[in-house]
N, C-alpha and C. Protein backbone atom coordinates (compact mmCIF):
# COMPACT_ATOMS: atom_id res chain seq x y z
N UNK A 1 0.84 -1.18 0.00
CA UNK A 1 0.00 0.00 0.00
C UNK A 1 0.89 1.25 0.00
N UNK A 2 0.62 2.13 -0.94
CA UNK A 2 1.44 3.34 -1.09
C UNK A 2 0.93 4.43 -0.16
N UNK A 3 1.84 5.04 0.57
CA UNK A 3 1.46 6.15 1.44
C UNK A 3 1.97 7.46 0.83
N UNK A 4 1.19 8.50 1.01
CA UNK A 4 1.61 9.81 0.55
C UNK A 4 2.72 10.32 1.47
N UNK A 5 3.57 11.22 0.95
CA UNK A 5 4.71 11.68 1.74
C UNK A 5 4.28 12.55 2.91
N UNK A 6 3.11 13.15 2.85
CA UNK A 6 2.71 14.08 3.90
C UNK A 6 1.89 13.43 5.00
N UNK A 7 1.56 12.13 4.88
CA UNK A 7 0.79 11.48 5.93
C UNK A 7 1.64 11.38 7.19
N UNK A 8 1.09 11.80 8.29
CA UNK A 8 1.79 11.74 9.55
C UNK A 8 2.69 12.93 9.82
N UNK A 9 2.76 13.88 8.89
CA UNK A 9 3.58 15.07 9.11
C UNK A 9 2.79 16.08 9.93
N UNK A 10 3.44 16.76 10.84
CA UNK A 10 2.75 17.85 11.54
C UNK A 10 2.41 18.98 10.57
N UNK A 11 1.41 19.76 10.92
CA UNK A 11 0.98 20.84 10.03
C UNK A 11 2.08 21.87 9.79
N UNK A 12 2.93 22.08 10.78
CA UNK A 12 4.02 23.05 10.61
C UNK A 12 4.98 22.57 9.53
N UNK A 13 5.34 21.29 9.58
CA UNK A 13 6.25 20.76 8.56
C UNK A 13 5.59 20.78 7.18
N UNK A 14 4.31 20.48 7.13
CA UNK A 14 3.60 20.51 5.86
C UNK A 14 3.58 21.93 5.29
N UNK A 15 3.40 22.93 6.16
CA UNK A 15 3.42 24.32 5.72
C UNK A 15 4.81 24.70 5.22
N UNK A 16 5.85 24.21 5.89
CA UNK A 16 7.21 24.51 5.44
C UNK A 16 7.51 23.89 4.08
N UNK A 17 7.02 22.67 3.87
CA UNK A 17 7.21 22.02 2.57
C UNK A 17 6.48 22.80 1.48
N UNK A 18 5.24 23.22 1.78
CA UNK A 18 4.47 24.00 0.81
C UNK A 18 5.16 25.34 0.52
N UNK A 19 5.70 25.97 1.56
CA UNK A 19 6.40 27.24 1.38
C UNK A 19 7.67 27.04 0.55
N UNK A 20 8.39 25.96 0.79
CA UNK A 20 9.61 25.69 0.02
C UNK A 20 9.28 25.45 -1.45
N UNK A 21 8.19 24.74 -1.71
CA UNK A 21 7.77 24.51 -3.10
C UNK A 21 7.38 25.84 -3.75
N UNK A 22 6.65 26.68 -3.01
CA UNK A 22 6.24 27.99 -3.53
C UNK A 22 7.45 28.85 -3.86
N UNK A 23 8.43 28.89 -2.96
CA UNK A 23 9.63 29.69 -3.19
C UNK A 23 10.40 29.15 -4.39
N UNK A 24 10.46 27.84 -4.53
CA UNK A 24 11.14 27.26 -5.69
C UNK A 24 10.48 27.63 -7.00
N UNK A 25 9.16 27.56 -7.03
CA UNK A 25 8.43 27.94 -8.24
C UNK A 25 8.60 29.43 -8.53
N UNK A 26 8.56 30.25 -7.48
CA UNK A 26 8.73 31.69 -7.64
C UNK A 26 10.11 32.02 -8.20
N UNK A 27 11.15 31.40 -7.66
CA UNK A 27 12.50 31.65 -8.15
C UNK A 27 12.68 31.14 -9.58
N UNK A 28 12.06 30.02 -9.90
CA UNK A 28 12.13 29.51 -11.27
C UNK A 28 11.45 30.47 -12.24
N UNK A 29 10.32 31.06 -11.83
CA UNK A 29 9.63 32.03 -12.69
C UNK A 29 10.48 33.28 -12.87
N UNK A 30 11.14 33.74 -11.81
CA UNK A 30 12.01 34.91 -11.94
C UNK A 30 13.19 34.61 -12.87
N UNK A 31 13.77 33.44 -12.73
CA UNK A 31 14.89 33.06 -13.59
C UNK A 31 14.45 33.00 -15.05
N UNK A 32 13.28 32.44 -15.30
CA UNK A 32 12.76 32.36 -16.67
C UNK A 32 12.51 33.76 -17.22
N UNK A 33 11.92 34.64 -16.39
CA UNK A 33 11.61 35.99 -16.84
C UNK A 33 12.88 36.76 -17.18
N UNK A 34 13.90 36.69 -16.30
CA UNK A 34 15.12 37.43 -16.55
C UNK A 34 15.92 36.83 -17.70
N UNK A 35 15.81 35.53 -17.93
CA UNK A 35 16.51 34.96 -19.08
C UNK A 35 15.86 35.42 -20.38
N UNK A 36 14.54 35.55 -20.39
CA UNK A 36 13.87 36.09 -21.58
C UNK A 36 14.25 37.55 -21.78
N UNK A 37 14.30 38.32 -20.68
CA UNK A 37 14.66 39.74 -20.78
C UNK A 37 16.10 39.89 -21.28
N UNK A 38 16.98 39.00 -20.83
CA UNK A 38 18.36 39.08 -21.29
C UNK A 38 18.46 38.77 -22.78
N UNK A 39 17.65 37.84 -23.25
CA UNK A 39 17.65 37.54 -24.68
C UNK A 39 17.21 38.76 -25.48
N UNK A 40 16.22 39.50 -24.96
CA UNK A 40 15.78 40.71 -25.63
C UNK A 40 16.89 41.76 -25.63
N UNK A 41 17.60 41.88 -24.50
CA UNK A 41 18.69 42.85 -24.43
C UNK A 41 19.84 42.46 -25.35
N UNK A 42 20.11 41.16 -25.49
CA UNK A 42 21.15 40.72 -26.42
C UNK A 42 20.76 41.05 -27.85
N UNK A 43 19.47 40.93 -28.16
CA UNK A 43 19.00 41.29 -29.49
C UNK A 43 19.16 42.78 -29.73
N UNK A 44 18.82 43.58 -28.72
CA UNK A 44 18.98 45.03 -28.85
C UNK A 44 20.46 45.40 -28.98
N UNK A 45 21.32 44.70 -28.27
CA UNK A 45 22.74 45.02 -28.31
C UNK A 45 23.35 44.69 -29.67
N UNK A 46 22.76 43.77 -30.39
CA UNK A 46 23.32 43.40 -31.69
C UNK A 46 22.86 44.34 -32.81
N UNK A 47 21.92 45.23 -32.51
CA UNK A 47 21.48 46.18 -33.53
C UNK A 47 22.58 47.20 -33.78
N UNK A 48 22.61 47.77 -34.98
CA UNK A 48 23.65 48.77 -35.24
C UNK A 48 23.46 49.99 -34.33
N UNK A 49 24.56 50.50 -33.84
CA UNK A 49 24.51 51.63 -32.90
C UNK A 49 24.43 52.94 -33.66
N UNK A 50 23.51 53.78 -33.23
CA UNK A 50 23.38 55.10 -33.82
C UNK A 50 23.54 56.12 -32.70
N UNK A 51 24.43 57.03 -32.86
CA UNK A 51 24.72 57.99 -31.80
C UNK A 51 23.64 59.07 -31.80
N UNK A 52 22.94 59.18 -30.66
CA UNK A 52 21.91 60.21 -30.52
C UNK A 52 22.32 61.25 -29.49
N UNK A 53 23.60 61.32 -29.20
CA UNK A 53 24.05 62.28 -28.20
C UNK A 53 24.04 63.68 -28.82
N UNK A 54 23.76 64.68 -27.98
CA UNK A 54 23.76 66.06 -28.53
C UNK A 54 25.17 66.46 -28.95
N UNK A 55 25.27 67.05 -30.08
CA UNK A 55 26.57 67.47 -30.59
C UNK A 55 26.69 68.99 -30.51
N UNK A 56 27.89 69.40 -30.28
CA UNK A 56 28.12 70.84 -30.24
C UNK A 56 28.14 71.36 -31.67
N UNK A 57 27.41 72.42 -31.86
CA UNK A 57 27.41 73.03 -33.20
C UNK A 57 28.24 74.30 -33.14
N UNK A 58 29.06 74.48 -34.11
CA UNK A 58 29.88 75.69 -34.17
C UNK A 58 29.26 76.63 -35.19
N UNK A 59 29.06 77.85 -34.79
CA UNK A 59 28.44 78.81 -35.74
C UNK A 59 29.39 79.23 -36.84
């Protein structure tokens, strides 16, 4: 007979396991988001650079 891993666990330990799973999913989502953002920044960095800085004009 198969028992679930949480049978017999105190509620505090069960809450800690749930919190650890939540934090893991949250960190994985942040990692995925920033990796996508970095790919966008790499694409922007590969575009040709055009200087838009103000230039001094001499009369």
